Amino acid sequence: MNRRDSVGWRVAVLGGGAWGTALALAMLHAGHSVRLFARDEETVASIRRGENPRYLPGIAIEPGIEATSDVKTALDGADCVLAVTPAQSLRAVLAGAKPHMPKGVPIVLCAKGIERDTGALLSAIVEEILPENPVAALSGPSFATDVAKGLPTAVVVAARDNGMAANLAARFSAQNLRCYSSDDLIGVEIGGALKNVFAIAAGAVSGAGLGASAQAAMVTRGFVELRRIGAAFGARPETLMGLSGLGDLMLTCSSAQSRNFAYGLALGQGKPLAGLPLAEGVPTAGIAARIAAERGIDAPIIAAVSAILDGTITISQAVSTLMTRPLKTETDA
């Protein structure tokens, strides 16, 4: 931790996709020195030329971001590491980075999901592979293109230690990126992971032409399921009502800019799904449904999304099942 008490940090960004590139720009705007690691040499070359046409077409990348395909170079002397790789590849990326990871620097999770094979939250993966590095998470209603363009955005930075969360939030904040802090790391992770599943459901409802009323009902009842599962993991209700829960849910369930909504939209329209951008809600749906079933949590929308993605039921069958569930009061647990 070379310049821990100075104004600017050396920030390493692991991931050269849309979100990784956008966050690299955000860190640059916040006054930090930025190195970005991407495995794809073409992406590295493009960023060095001042663009990332594969992931952020039409957006200029300002000079100052050092792109590299060598993880050792990216991590050398880092004061903070942003892990912006997909949830299902996080374990492999961290394992590869471990020999070069500076001890004690915070690892900030910027992807959202639950590990499909183990059911582990992403913070648990960091704690398993890098026990000497404190873990935090950055989440909230934010599209990569908006952040890359410098449009006003508000997010949450969470860590178990509130002092660390507050320090990270202060250092990451810039003119058009407002970062709030939280010590409810699990709550922020749960909100970010599950909202992707409901975004697929919202897209499917829209794509199937079921109407705005059905979509509003689905999102509202989805939030109830999010709170149920969050409570089982120890998440605080106020966290789930905030930016990383309800805020992110509202954004991703209402726009085709969301990869998960777009995936659900194509699903509802009966279009081919092959070749669509990665939707983290796809692997998360199955493991979330399994976790809910194992813990006895009533989560019919999550179960329906998982079954639709597995090809077990159709969208019309899922709607019929949801609409004929036993009637009860709205506030029943």
C-alpha atoms as a PDB file:
ATOM      1  CA  MET A   1       0.000   0.000   0.000  1.00  0.00           C
ATOM      2  CA  ASN A   2       2.267   2.662  -1.324  1.00  0.00           C
ATOM      3  CA  ARG A   3       0.302   5.880  -1.106  1.00  0.00           C
ATOM      4  CA  ARG A   4      -2.447   4.965   1.308  1.00  0.00           C
ATOM      5  CA  ASP A   5      -2.405   8.396   2.946  1.00  0.00           C
ATOM      6  CA  SER A   6      -2.067  10.451  -0.236  1.00  0.00           C
ATOM      7  CA  VAL A   7      -4.787  11.841  -2.451  1.00  0.00           C
ATOM      8  CA  GLY A   8      -4.495   9.501  -5.391  1.00  0.00           C
ATOM      9  CA  TRP A   9      -4.307   5.716  -5.228  1.00  0.00           C
ATOM     10  CA  ARG A  10      -2.973   3.252  -7.732  1.00  0.00           C
ATOM     11  CA  VAL A  11      -6.114   1.309  -8.634  1.00  0.00           C
ATOM     12  CA  ALA A  12      -6.007  -2.025 -10.431  1.00  0.00           C
ATOM     13  CA  VAL A  13      -9.110  -2.971 -12.416  1.00  0.00           C
ATOM     14  CA  LEU A  14      -9.467  -6.671 -13.221  1.00  0.00           C
ATOM     15  CA  GLY A  15     -11.744  -6.898 -16.254  1.00  0.00           C
ATOM     16  CA  GLY A  16     -11.850  -5.121 -19.586  1.00  0.00           C
ATOM     17  CA  GLY A  17     -15.562  -5.399 -20.344  1.00  0.00           C
ATOM     18  CA  ALA A  18     -18.050  -2.532 -20.370  1.00  0.00           C
ATOM     19  CA  TRP A  19     -18.289  -2.212 -16.590  1.00  0.00           C
ATOM     20  CA  GLY A  20     -14.558  -2.612 -16.001  1.00  0.00           C
ATOM     21  CA  THR A  21     -13.753   0.041 -18.595  1.00  0.00           C
ATOM     22  CA  ALA A  22     -16.395   2.395 -17.221  1.00  0.00           C
ATOM     23  CA  LEU A  23     -15.109   2.009 -13.662  1.00  0.00           C
ATOM     24  CA  ALA A  24     -11.543   2.547 -14.852  1.00  0.00           C
ATOM     25  CA  LEU A  25     -12.695   5.887 -16.308  1.00  0.00           C
ATOM     26  CA  ALA A  26     -14.541   6.691 -13.073  1.00  0.00           C
ATOM     27  CA  MET A  27     -11.398   6.006 -11.020  1.00  0.00           C
ATOM     28  CA  LEU A  28      -9.398   8.207 -13.379  1.00  0.00           C
ATOM     29  CA  HIS A  29     -11.921  11.014 -12.876  1.00  0.00           C
ATOM     30  CA  ALA A  30     -11.648  10.518  -9.100  1.00  0.00           C
ATOM     31  CA  GLY A  31      -7.947  11.319  -9.319  1.00  0.00           C
ATOM     32  CA  HIS A  32      -6.414   7.865  -9.217  1.00  0.00           C
ATOM     33  CA  SER A  33      -3.747   6.175 -11.305  1.00  0.00           C
ATOM     34  CA  VAL A  34      -5.399   3.273 -13.117  1.00  0.00           C
ATOM     35  CA  ARG A  35      -4.142   0.006 -14.538  1.00  0.00           C
ATOM     36  CA  LEU A  36      -6.671  -2.235 -16.269  1.00  0.00           C
ATOM     37  CA  PHE A  37      -6.129  -5.956 -16.774  1.00  0.00           C
ATOM     38  CA  ALA A  38      -7.901  -7.744 -19.636  1.00  0.00           C
ATOM     39  CA  ARG A  39      -7.136 -11.235 -20.910  1.00  0.00           C
ATOM     40  CA  ASP A  40      -8.082 -10.347 -24.481  1.00  0.00           C
ATOM     41  CA  GLU A  41      -5.159  -8.758 -26.318  1.00  0.00           C
ATOM     42  CA  GLU A  42      -7.469  -7.055 -28.815  1.00  0.00           C
ATOM     43  CA  THR A  43      -9.325  -5.326 -25.970  1.00  0.00           C
ATOM     44  CA  VAL A  44      -6.038  -4.187 -24.459  1.00  0.00           C
ATOM     45  CA  ALA A  45      -4.874  -2.809 -27.812  1.00  0.00           C
ATOM     46  CA  SER A  46      -8.186  -1.005 -28.338  1.00  0.00           C
ATOM     47  CA  ILE A  47      -8.105   0.658 -24.916  1.00  0.00           C
ATOM     48  CA  ARG A  48      -4.563   1.817 -25.598  1.00  0.00           C
ATOM     49  CA  ARG A  49      -5.916   3.456 -28.769  1.00  0.00           C
ATOM     50  CA  GLY A  50      -8.582   5.242 -26.728  1.00  0.00           C
ATOM     51  CA  GLU A  51     -11.616   3.064 -27.380  1.00  0.00           C
ATOM     52  CA  ASN A  52     -13.281  -0.224 -26.474  1.00  0.00           C
ATOM     53  CA  PRO A  53     -15.570  -0.809 -29.467  1.00  0.00           C
ATOM     54  CA  ARG A  54     -16.505  -4.351 -28.472  1.00  0.00           C
ATOM     55  CA  TYR A  55     -17.986  -3.348 -25.123  1.00  0.00           C
ATOM     56  CA  LEU A  56     -18.423   0.454 -25.151  1.00  0.00           C
ATOM     57  CA  PRO A  57     -18.862   1.459 -28.795  1.00  0.00           C
ATOM     58  CA  GLY A  58     -18.791   5.162 -29.522  1.00  0.00           C
ATOM     59  CA  ILE A  59     -17.325   6.181 -26.162  1.00  0.00           C
ATOM     60  CA  ALA A  60     -13.869   7.768 -26.112  1.00  0.00           C
ATOM     61  CA  ILE A  61     -11.487   6.475 -23.460  1.00  0.00           C
ATOM     62  CA  GLU A  62      -9.347   9.259 -22.100  1.00  0.00           C
ATOM     63  CA  PRO A  63      -5.569   8.899 -21.882  1.00  0.00           C
ATOM     64  CA  GLY A  64      -4.283   7.778 -18.507  1.00  0.00           C
ATOM     65  CA  ILE A  65      -5.608   4.220 -18.245  1.00  0.00           C
ATOM     66  CA  GLU A  66      -2.746   1.749 -18.583  1.00  0.00           C
ATOM     67  CA  ALA A  67      -4.186  -1.406 -20.157  1.00  0.00           C
ATOM     68  CA  THR A  68      -2.308  -4.697 -19.924  1.00  0.00           C
ATOM     69  CA  SER A  69      -2.839  -8.428 -20.416  1.00  0.00           C
ATOM     70  CA  ASP A  70      -0.316  -9.187 -17.671  1.00  0.00           C
ATOM     71  CA  VAL A  71      -2.018  -9.460 -14.287  1.00  0.00           C
ATOM     72  CA  LYS A  72       1.291  -9.072 -12.443  1.00  0.00           C
ATOM     73  CA  THR A  73       1.851  -5.698 -14.098  1.00  0.00           C
ATOM     74  CA  ALA A  74      -1.709  -4.596 -13.327  1.00  0.00           C
ATOM     75  CA  LEU A  75      -1.379  -5.470  -9.626  1.00  0.00           C
ATOM     76  CA  ASP A  76       2.130  -4.166  -9.053  1.00  0.00           C
ATOM     77  CA  GLY A  77       2.014  -1.554  -6.304  1.00  0.00           C
ATOM     78  CA  ALA A  78      -1.799  -1.421  -6.257  1.00  0.00           C
ATOM     79  CA  ASP A  79      -3.489   0.313  -3.332  1.00  0.00           C
ATOM     80  CA  CYS A  80      -6.915  -1.081  -4.248  1.00  0.00           C
ATOM     81  CA  VAL A  81      -8.231  -3.750  -6.622  1.00  0.00           C
ATOM     82  CA  LEU A  82     -11.586  -3.628  -8.396  1.00  0.00           C
ATOM     83  CA  ALA A  83     -12.705  -7.142  -9.369  1.00  0.00           C
ATOM     84  CA  VAL A  84     -14.919  -6.594 -12.412  1.00  0.00           C
ATOM     85  CA  THR A  85     -14.979 -10.097 -13.859  1.00  0.00           C
ATOM     86  CA  PRO A  86     -18.219 -12.107 -14.232  1.00  0.00           C
ATOM     87  CA  ALA A  87     -19.338 -13.838 -11.058  1.00  0.00           C
ATOM     88  CA  GLN A  88     -18.883 -17.328 -12.458  1.00  0.00           C
ATOM     89  CA  SER A  89     -15.250 -16.688 -13.427  1.00  0.00           C
ATOM     90  CA  LEU A  90     -14.251 -14.749 -10.295  1.00  0.00           C
ATOM     91  CA  ARG A  91     -12.720 -17.766  -8.532  1.00  0.00           C
ATOM     92  CA  ALA A  92     -10.415 -18.562 -11.457  1.00  0.00           C
ATOM     93  CA  VAL A  93      -9.369 -14.930 -11.930  1.00  0.00           C
ATOM     94  CA  LEU A  94      -8.547 -14.445  -8.248  1.00  0.00           C
ATOM     95  CA  ALA A  95      -6.645 -17.718  -8.126  1.00  0.00           C
ATOM     96  CA  GLY A  96      -4.526 -16.552 -11.059  1.00  0.00           C
ATOM     97  CA  ALA A  97      -3.983 -13.159  -9.448  1.00  0.00           C
ATOM     98  CA  LYS A  98      -3.153 -14.489  -5.978  1.00  0.00           C
ATOM     99  CA  PRO A  99       0.628 -14.826  -6.422  1.00  0.00           C
ATOM    100  CA  HIS A 100       0.841 -11.153  -7.421  1.00  0.00           C
ATOM    101  CA  MET A 101      -1.790  -9.667  -5.086  1.00  0.00           C
ATOM    102  CA  PRO A 102      -0.412  -7.047  -2.683  1.00  0.00           C
ATOM    103  CA  LYS A 103      -1.210  -8.115   0.867  1.00  0.00           C
ATOM    104  CA  GLY A 104      -3.766  -6.119   2.785  1.00  0.00           C
ATOM    105  CA  VAL A 105      -5.164  -4.059  -0.083  1.00  0.00           C
ATOM    106  CA  PRO A 106      -8.960  -4.046  -0.380  1.00  0.00           C
ATOM    107  CA  ILE A 107     -10.629  -6.181  -3.043  1.00  0.00           C
ATOM    108  CA  VAL A 108     -13.779  -4.404  -4.239  1.00  0.00           C
ATOM    109  CA  LEU A 109     -16.325  -6.681  -5.893  1.00  0.00           C
ATOM    110  CA  CYS A 110     -18.009  -4.968  -8.837  1.00  0.00           C
ATOM    111  CA  ALA A 111     -19.758  -7.988 -10.370  1.00  0.00           C
ATOM    112  CA  LYS A 112     -23.090  -9.334  -9.132  1.00  0.00           C
ATOM    113  CA  GLY A 113     -24.104 -12.925  -8.697  1.00  0.00           C
ATOM    114  CA  ILE A 114     -23.927 -16.147  -6.701  1.00  0.00           C
ATOM    115  CA  GLU A 115     -21.449 -18.876  -7.614  1.00  0.00           C
ATOM    116  CA  ARG A 116     -23.455 -21.539  -9.427  1.00  0.00           C
ATOM    117  CA  ASP A 117     -21.486 -24.594  -8.317  1.00  0.00           C
ATOM    118  CA  THR A 118     -21.174 -23.769  -4.609  1.00  0.00           C
ATOM    119  CA  GLY A 119     -23.920 -21.262  -3.798  1.00  0.00           C
ATOM    120  CA  ALA A 120     -21.245 -18.966  -2.359  1.00  0.00           C
ATOM    121  CA  LEU A 121     -21.599 -15.216  -2.330  1.00  0.00           C
ATOM    122  CA  LEU A 122     -18.698 -13.486  -4.054  1.00  0.00           C
ATOM    123  CA  SER A 123     -17.301 -12.098  -0.807  1.00  0.00           C
ATOM    124  CA  ALA A 124     -16.939 -15.661   0.490  1.00  0.00           C
ATOM    125  CA  ILE A 125     -14.851 -16.536  -2.567  1.00  0.00           C
ATOM    126  CA  VAL A 126     -12.500 -13.616  -1.892  1.00  0.00           C
ATOM    127  CA  GLU A 127     -12.198 -14.573   1.774  1.00  0.00           C
ATOM    128  CA  GLU A 128     -11.383 -18.155   0.812  1.00  0.00           C
ATOM    129  CA  ILE A 129      -8.747 -17.370  -1.839  1.00  0.00           C
ATOM    130  CA  LEU A 130      -7.322 -14.100  -0.454  1.00  0.00           C
ATOM    131  CA  PRO A 131      -7.804 -14.250   3.335  1.00  0.00           C
ATOM    132  CA  GLU A 132      -5.251 -11.461   3.901  1.00  0.00           C
ATOM    133  CA  ASN A 133      -7.181  -8.963   1.769  1.00  0.00           C
ATOM    134  CA  PRO A 134     -10.275  -7.172   3.117  1.00  0.00           C
ATOM    135  CA  VAL A 135     -13.319  -7.390   0.858  1.00  0.00           C
ATOM    136  CA  ALA A 136     -15.836  -4.755  -0.185  1.00  0.00           C
ATOM    137  CA  ALA A 137     -18.532  -4.464  -2.846  1.00  0.00           C
ATOM    138  CA  LEU A 138     -19.657  -1.667  -5.147  1.00  0.00           C
ATOM    139  CA  SER A 139     -23.256  -1.927  -6.325  1.00  0.00           C
ATOM    140  CA  GLY A 140     -26.286   0.135  -7.241  1.00  0.00           C
ATOM    141  CA  PRO A 141     -28.388   1.358 -10.172  1.00  0.00           C
ATOM    142  CA  SER A 142     -25.732   2.034 -12.776  1.00  0.00           C
ATOM    143  CA  PHE A 143     -25.340   1.312 -16.467  1.00  0.00           C
ATOM    144  CA  ALA A 144     -21.776   1.139 -17.760  1.00  0.00           C
ATOM    145  CA  THR A 145     -22.495   3.561 -20.599  1.00  0.00           C
ATOM    146  CA  ASP A 146     -23.882   6.170 -18.181  1.00  0.00           C
ATOM    147  CA  VAL A 147     -20.836   5.947 -15.912  1.00  0.00           C
ATOM    148  CA  ALA A 148     -18.439   5.994 -18.876  1.00  0.00           C
ATOM    149  CA  LYS A 149     -20.139   9.126 -20.224  1.00  0.00           C
ATOM    150  CA  GLY A 150     -19.898  10.816 -16.834  1.00  0.00           C
ATOM    151  CA  LEU A 151     -23.657  10.985 -16.309  1.00  0.00           C
ATOM    152  CA  PRO A 152     -24.877  11.431 -12.704  1.00  0.00           C
ATOM    153  CA  THR A 153     -24.920   8.072 -10.905  1.00  0.00           C
ATOM    154  CA  ALA A 154     -25.229   6.987  -7.269  1.00  0.00           C
ATOM    155  CA  VAL A 155     -23.956   3.676  -5.910  1.00  0.00           C
ATOM    156  CA  VAL A 156     -23.146   2.004  -2.594  1.00  0.00           C
ATOM    157  CA  VAL A 157     -19.756   0.806  -1.395  1.00  0.00           C
ATOM    158  CA  ALA A 158     -20.120  -1.798   1.335  1.00  0.00           C
ATOM    159  CA  ALA A 159     -17.685  -3.546   3.663  1.00  0.00           C
ATOM    160  CA  ARG A 160     -18.031  -5.208   7.031  1.00  0.00           C
ATOM    161  CA  ASP A 161     -15.855  -2.461   8.477  1.00  0.00           C
ATOM    162  CA  ASN A 162     -17.780   0.776   8.166  1.00  0.00           C
ATOM    163  CA  GLY A 163     -14.594   2.862   8.339  1.00  0.00           C
ATOM    164  CA  MET A 164     -13.163   1.066   5.321  1.00  0.00           C
ATOM    165  CA  ALA A 165     -16.463   1.388   3.442  1.00  0.00           C
ATOM    166  CA  ALA A 166     -16.577   5.125   4.144  1.00  0.00           C
ATOM    167  CA  ASN A 167     -12.951   5.583   3.059  1.00  0.00           C
ATOM    168  CA  LEU A 168     -13.506   3.698  -0.188  1.00  0.00           C
ATOM    169  CA  ALA A 169     -16.732   5.592  -0.903  1.00  0.00           C
ATOM    170  CA  ALA A 170     -14.974   8.916  -0.384  1.00  0.00           C
ATOM    171  CA  ARG A 171     -12.047   7.966  -2.604  1.00  0.00           C
ATOM    172  CA  PHE A 172     -14.244   6.616  -5.405  1.00  0.00           C
ATOM    173  CA  SER A 173     -16.617   9.575  -5.497  1.00  0.00           C
ATOM    174  CA  ALA A 174     -16.176  12.099  -8.284  1.00  0.00           C
ATOM    175  CA  GLN A 175     -18.187  14.959  -9.769  1.00  0.00           C
ATOM    176  CA  ASN A 176     -20.861  12.717 -11.280  1.00  0.00           C
ATOM    177  CA  LEU A 177     -20.359   9.537  -9.239  1.00  0.00           C
ATOM    178  CA  ARG A 178     -21.763   9.705  -5.722  1.00  0.00           C
ATOM    179  CA  CYS A 179     -20.811   6.776  -3.504  1.00  0.00           C
ATOM    180  CA  TYR A 180     -22.655   6.048  -0.280  1.00  0.00           C
ATOM    181  CA  SER A 181     -21.140   3.692   2.291  1.00  0.00           C
ATOM    182  CA  SER A 182     -22.625   0.723   4.144  1.00  0.00           C
ATOM    183  CA  ASP A 183     -21.431  -1.957   6.539  1.00  0.00           C
ATOM    184  CA  ASP A 184     -24.095  -4.409   5.312  1.00  0.00           C
ATOM    185  CA  LEU A 185     -21.897  -6.253   2.828  1.00  0.00           C
ATOM    186  CA  ILE A 186     -24.196  -9.271   2.582  1.00  0.00           C
ATOM    187  CA  GLY A 187     -27.278  -7.128   1.993  1.00  0.00           C
ATOM    188  CA  VAL A 188     -25.589  -5.249  -0.844  1.00  0.00           C
ATOM    189  CA  GLU A 189     -24.419  -8.515  -2.428  1.00  0.00           C
ATOM    190  CA  ILE A 190     -27.844 -10.185  -2.178  1.00  0.00           C
ATOM    191  CA  GLY A 191     -29.626  -7.204  -3.731  1.00  0.00           C
ATOM    192  CA  GLY A 192     -27.191  -7.041  -6.622  1.00  0.00           C
ATOM    193  CA  ALA A 193     -27.334 -10.772  -7.333  1.00  0.00           C
ATOM    194  CA  LEU A 194     -31.080 -11.347  -7.183  1.00  0.00           C
ATOM    195  CA  LYS A 195     -32.166  -8.256  -9.087  1.00  0.00           C
ATOM    196  CA  ASN A 196     -30.649  -9.855 -12.190  1.00  0.00           C
ATOM    197  CA  VAL A 197     -33.062 -12.785 -11.910  1.00  0.00           C
ATOM    198  CA  PHE A 198     -36.048 -10.469 -11.666  1.00  0.00           C
ATOM    199  CA  ALA A 199     -34.762  -8.421 -14.596  1.00  0.00           C
ATOM    200  CA  ILE A 200     -34.934 -11.556 -16.744  1.00  0.00           C
ATOM    201  CA  ALA A 201     -38.505 -12.076 -15.538  1.00  0.00           C
ATOM    202  CA  ALA A 202     -39.406  -8.450 -16.315  1.00  0.00           C
ATOM    203  CA  GLY A 203     -37.951  -8.742 -19.800  1.00  0.00           C
ATOM    204  CA  ALA A 204     -39.817 -11.993 -20.427  1.00  0.00           C
ATOM    205  CA  VAL A 205     -43.106 -10.427 -19.322  1.00  0.00           C
ATOM    206  CA  SER A 206     -42.511  -7.497 -21.659  1.00  0.00           C
ATOM    207  CA  GLY A 207     -41.383  -9.693 -24.532  1.00  0.00           C
ATOM    208  CA  ALA A 208     -44.398 -11.965 -24.184  1.00  0.00           C
ATOM    209  CA  GLY A 209     -46.713  -8.933 -24.392  1.00  0.00           C
ATOM    210  CA  LEU A 210     -48.306  -9.538 -21.003  1.00  0.00           C
ATOM    211  CA  GLY A 211     -48.752  -5.838 -20.291  1.00  0.00           C
ATOM    212  CA  ALA A 212     -47.452  -3.135 -17.980  1.00  0.00           C
ATOM    213  CA  SER A 213     -49.728  -4.212 -15.136  1.00  0.00           C
ATOM    214  CA  ALA A 214     -48.256  -7.704 -15.113  1.00  0.00           C
ATOM    215  CA  GLN A 215     -44.748  -6.293 -15.224  1.00  0.00           C
ATOM    216  CA  ALA A 216     -45.385  -3.975 -12.281  1.00  0.00           C
ATOM    217  CA  ALA A 217     -46.887  -6.835 -10.273  1.00  0.00           C
ATOM    218  CA  MET A 218     -43.950  -9.090 -11.071  1.00  0.00           C
ATOM    219  CA  VAL A 219     -41.340  -6.523 -10.031  1.00  0.00           C
ATOM    220  CA  THR A 220     -43.192  -5.712  -6.811  1.00  0.00           C
ATOM    221  CA  ARG A 221     -43.656  -9.345  -5.817  1.00  0.00           C
ATOM    222  CA  GLY A 222     -40.078 -10.030  -6.889  1.00  0.00           C
ATOM    223  CA  PHE A 223     -38.910  -7.466  -4.378  1.00  0.00           C
ATOM    224  CA  VAL A 224     -40.833  -9.361  -1.694  1.00  0.00           C
ATOM    225  CA  GLU A 225     -38.858 -12.490  -2.590  1.00  0.00           C
ATOM    226  CA  LEU A 226     -35.617 -10.519  -2.548  1.00  0.00           C
ATOM    227  CA  ARG A 227     -36.387  -9.364   0.988  1.00  0.00           C
ATOM    228  CA  ARG A 228     -37.271 -12.887   2.123  1.00  0.00           C
ATOM    229  CA  ILE A 229     -34.002 -14.337   0.884  1.00  0.00           C
ATOM    230  CA  GLY A 230     -32.057 -11.329   2.113  1.00  0.00           C
ATOM    231  CA  ALA A 231     -33.501 -11.786   5.603  1.00  0.00           C
ATOM    232  CA  ALA A 232     -32.423 -15.437   5.595  1.00  0.00           C
ATOM    233  CA  PHE A 233     -28.848 -14.320   4.884  1.00  0.00           C
ATOM    234  CA  GLY A 234     -28.953 -11.610   7.564  1.00  0.00           C
ATOM    235  CA  ALA A 235     -29.338  -8.627   5.227  1.00  0.00           C
ATOM    236  CA  ARG A 236     -30.869  -5.521   6.746  1.00  0.00           C
ATOM    237  CA  PRO A 237     -34.256  -4.421   5.331  1.00  0.00           C
ATOM    238  CA  GLU A 238     -33.092  -0.824   4.906  1.00  0.00           C
ATOM    239  CA  THR A 239     -30.214  -1.990   2.709  1.00  0.00           C
ATOM    240  CA  LEU A 240     -32.592  -3.857   0.413  1.00  0.00           C
ATOM    241  CA  MET A 241     -34.807  -0.761   0.259  1.00  0.00           C
ATOM    242  CA  GLY A 242     -31.830   1.311  -0.868  1.00  0.00           C
ATOM    243  CA  LEU A 243     -29.747   1.830  -3.985  1.00  0.00           C
ATOM    244  CA  SER A 244     -28.241  -1.657  -4.118  1.00  0.00           C
ATOM    245  CA  GLY A 245     -31.625  -3.357  -3.715  1.00  0.00           C
ATOM    246  CA  LEU A 246     -34.781  -1.569  -4.777  1.00  0.00           C
ATOM    247  CA  GLY A 247     -32.874   1.075  -6.749  1.00  0.00           C
ATOM    248  CA  ASP A 248     -30.973  -1.445  -8.849  1.00  0.00           C
ATOM    249  CA  LEU A 249     -34.111  -3.557  -9.259  1.00  0.00           C
ATOM    250  CA  MET A 250     -36.057  -0.584 -10.667  1.00  0.00           C
ATOM    251  CA  LEU A 251     -33.322   0.240 -13.164  1.00  0.00           C
ATOM    252  CA  THR A 252     -32.622  -3.240 -14.482  1.00  0.00           C
ATOM    253  CA  CYS A 253     -36.290  -4.228 -14.704  1.00  0.00           C
ATOM    254  CA  SER A 254     -37.221  -1.256 -16.861  1.00  0.00           C
ATOM    255  CA  SER A 255     -34.672  -0.938 -19.646  1.00  0.00           C
ATOM    256  CA  ALA A 256     -33.275  -3.030 -22.479  1.00  0.00           C
ATOM    257  CA  GLN A 257     -29.903  -1.449 -21.606  1.00  0.00           C
ATOM    258  CA  SER A 258     -29.850  -4.123 -18.922  1.00  0.00           C
ATOM    259  CA  ARG A 259     -28.341  -7.306 -20.337  1.00  0.00           C
ATOM    260  CA  ASN A 260     -30.604  -9.363 -18.083  1.00  0.00           C
ATOM    261  CA  PHE A 261     -33.749  -7.524 -19.180  1.00  0.00           C
ATOM    262  CA  ALA A 262     -32.645  -7.843 -22.816  1.00  0.00           C
ATOM    263  CA  TYR A 263     -32.114 -11.576 -22.336  1.00  0.00           C
ATOM    264  CA  GLY A 264     -35.591 -11.950 -20.852  1.00  0.00           C
ATOM    265  CA  LEU A 265     -37.051  -9.807 -23.636  1.00  0.00           C
ATOM    266  CA  ALA A 266     -35.603 -12.133 -26.274  1.00  0.00           C
ATOM    267  CA  LEU A 267     -36.815 -15.115 -24.276  1.00  0.00           C
ATOM    268  CA  GLY A 268     -40.346 -13.708 -24.141  1.00  0.00           C
ATOM    269  CA  GLN A 269     -40.320 -12.947 -27.855  1.00  0.00           C
ATOM    270  CA  GLY A 270     -39.130 -16.434 -28.691  1.00  0.00           C
ATOM    271  CA  LYS A 271     -35.946 -15.128 -30.324  1.00  0.00           C
ATOM    272  CA  PRO A 272     -32.636 -17.028 -30.408  1.00  0.00           C
ATOM    273  CA  LEU A 273     -30.622 -16.566 -27.217  1.00  0.00           C
ATOM    274  CA  ALA A 274     -27.260 -17.667 -28.577  1.00  0.00           C
ATOM    275  CA  GLY A 275     -24.841 -14.812 -28.972  1.00  0.00           C
ATOM    276  CA  LEU A 276     -26.586 -12.457 -26.558  1.00  0.00           C
ATOM    277  CA  PRO A 277     -24.360 -10.562 -24.105  1.00  0.00           C
ATOM    278  CA  LEU A 278     -23.636 -12.325 -20.828  1.00  0.00           C
ATOM    279  CA  ALA A 279     -26.606 -12.161 -18.446  1.00  0.00           C
ATOM    280  CA  GLU A 280     -25.494 -12.974 -14.887  1.00  0.00           C
ATOM    281  CA  GLY A 281     -29.088 -13.685 -13.892  1.00  0.00           C
ATOM    282  CA  VAL A 282     -29.057 -16.904 -15.934  1.00  0.00           C
ATOM    283  CA  PRO A 283     -26.640 -18.876 -13.718  1.00  0.00           C
ATOM    284  CA  THR A 284     -27.854 -17.046 -10.616  1.00  0.00           C
ATOM    285  CA  ALA A 285     -31.499 -18.100 -11.130  1.00  0.00           C
ATOM    286  CA  GLY A 286     -30.832 -21.801 -10.723  1.00  0.00           C
ATOM    287  CA  ILE A 287     -28.696 -21.527  -7.602  1.00  0.00           C
ATOM    288  CA  ALA A 288     -31.049 -18.927  -6.063  1.00  0.00           C
ATOM    289  CA  ALA A 289     -34.008 -21.257  -6.623  1.00  0.00           C
ATOM    290  CA  ARG A 290     -32.080 -24.091  -5.007  1.00  0.00           C
ATOM    291  CA  ILE A 291     -31.085 -21.975  -2.009  1.00  0.00           C
ATOM    292  CA  ALA A 292     -34.697 -20.834  -1.522  1.00  0.00           C
ATOM    293  CA  ALA A 293     -35.972 -24.415  -1.705  1.00  0.00           C
ATOM    294  CA  GLU A 294     -33.339 -25.728   0.712  1.00  0.00           C
ATOM    295  CA  ARG A 295     -34.101 -22.976   3.235  1.00  0.00           C
ATOM    296  CA  GLY A 296     -37.862 -23.242   2.881  1.00  0.00           C
ATOM    297  CA  ILE A 297     -38.202 -19.706   1.481  1.00  0.00           C
ATOM    298  CA  ASP A 298     -41.253 -19.011  -0.657  1.00  0.00           C
ATOM    299  CA  ALA A 299     -39.819 -17.629  -3.922  1.00  0.00           C
ATOM    300  CA  PRO A 300     -42.199 -18.598  -6.753  1.00  0.00           C
ATOM    301  CA  ILE A 301     -40.911 -16.024  -9.271  1.00  0.00           C
ATOM    302  CA  ILE A 302     -37.298 -17.124  -8.852  1.00  0.00           C
ATOM    303  CA  ALA A 303     -38.413 -20.750  -9.168  1.00  0.00           C
ATOM    304  CA  ALA A 304     -40.382 -19.917 -12.312  1.00  0.00           C
ATOM    305  CA  VAL A 305     -37.450 -18.105 -13.947  1.00  0.00           C
ATOM    306  CA  SER A 306     -35.170 -21.041 -13.170  1.00  0.00           C
ATOM    307  CA  ALA A 307     -37.667 -23.510 -14.648  1.00  0.00           C
ATOM    308  CA  ILE A 308     -38.163 -21.388 -17.785  1.00  0.00           C
ATOM    309  CA  LEU A 309     -34.407 -21.162 -18.336  1.00  0.00           C
ATOM    310  CA  ASP A 310     -34.101 -24.925 -17.833  1.00  0.00           C
ATOM    311  CA  GLY A 311     -36.829 -25.486 -20.406  1.00  0.00           C
ATOM    312  CA  THR A 312     -38.977 -27.273 -17.813  1.00  0.00           C
ATOM    313  CA  ILE A 313     -41.948 -24.959 -18.326  1.00  0.00           C
ATOM    314  CA  THR A 314     -43.009 -22.274 -20.798  1.00  0.00           C
ATOM    315  CA  ILE A 315     -43.645 -18.645 -19.950  1.00  0.00           C
ATOM    316  CA  SER A 316     -47.404 -19.125 -20.323  1.00  0.00           C
ATOM    317  CA  GLN A 317     -47.290 -22.129 -17.986  1.00  0.00           C
ATOM    318  CA  ALA A 318     -45.279 -20.131 -15.455  1.00  0.00           C
ATOM    319  CA  VAL A 319     -47.797 -17.275 -15.563  1.00  0.00           C
ATOM    320  CA  SER A 320     -50.680 -19.700 -15.124  1.00  0.00           C
ATOM    321  CA  THR A 321     -48.974 -21.282 -12.108  1.00  0.00           C
ATOM    322  CA  LEU A 322     -48.245 -17.910 -10.507  1.00  0.00           C
ATOM    323  CA  MET A 323     -51.780 -16.615 -11.088  1.00  0.00           C
ATOM    324  CA  THR A 324     -53.424 -19.696  -9.556  1.00  0.00           C
ATOM    325  CA  ARG A 325     -51.362 -19.830  -6.364  1.00  0.00           C
ATOM    326  CA  PRO A 326     -53.436 -19.890  -3.151  1.00  0.00           C
ATOM    327  CA  LEU A 327     -54.766 -16.450  -2.238  1.00  0.00           C
ATOM    328  CA  LYS A 328     -53.418 -14.765   0.881  1.00  0.00           C
ATOM    329  CA  THR A 329     -52.895 -11.303   2.333  1.00  0.00           C
ATOM    330  CA  GLU A 330     -50.309  -9.190   0.591  1.00  0.00           C
ATOM    331  CA  THR A 331     -48.153  -8.877   3.715  1.00  0.00           C
ATOM    332  CA  ASP A 332     -47.986 -12.593   4.569  1.00  0.00           C
ATOM    333  CA  ALA A 333     -44.389 -13.663   5.113  1.00  0.00           C
END
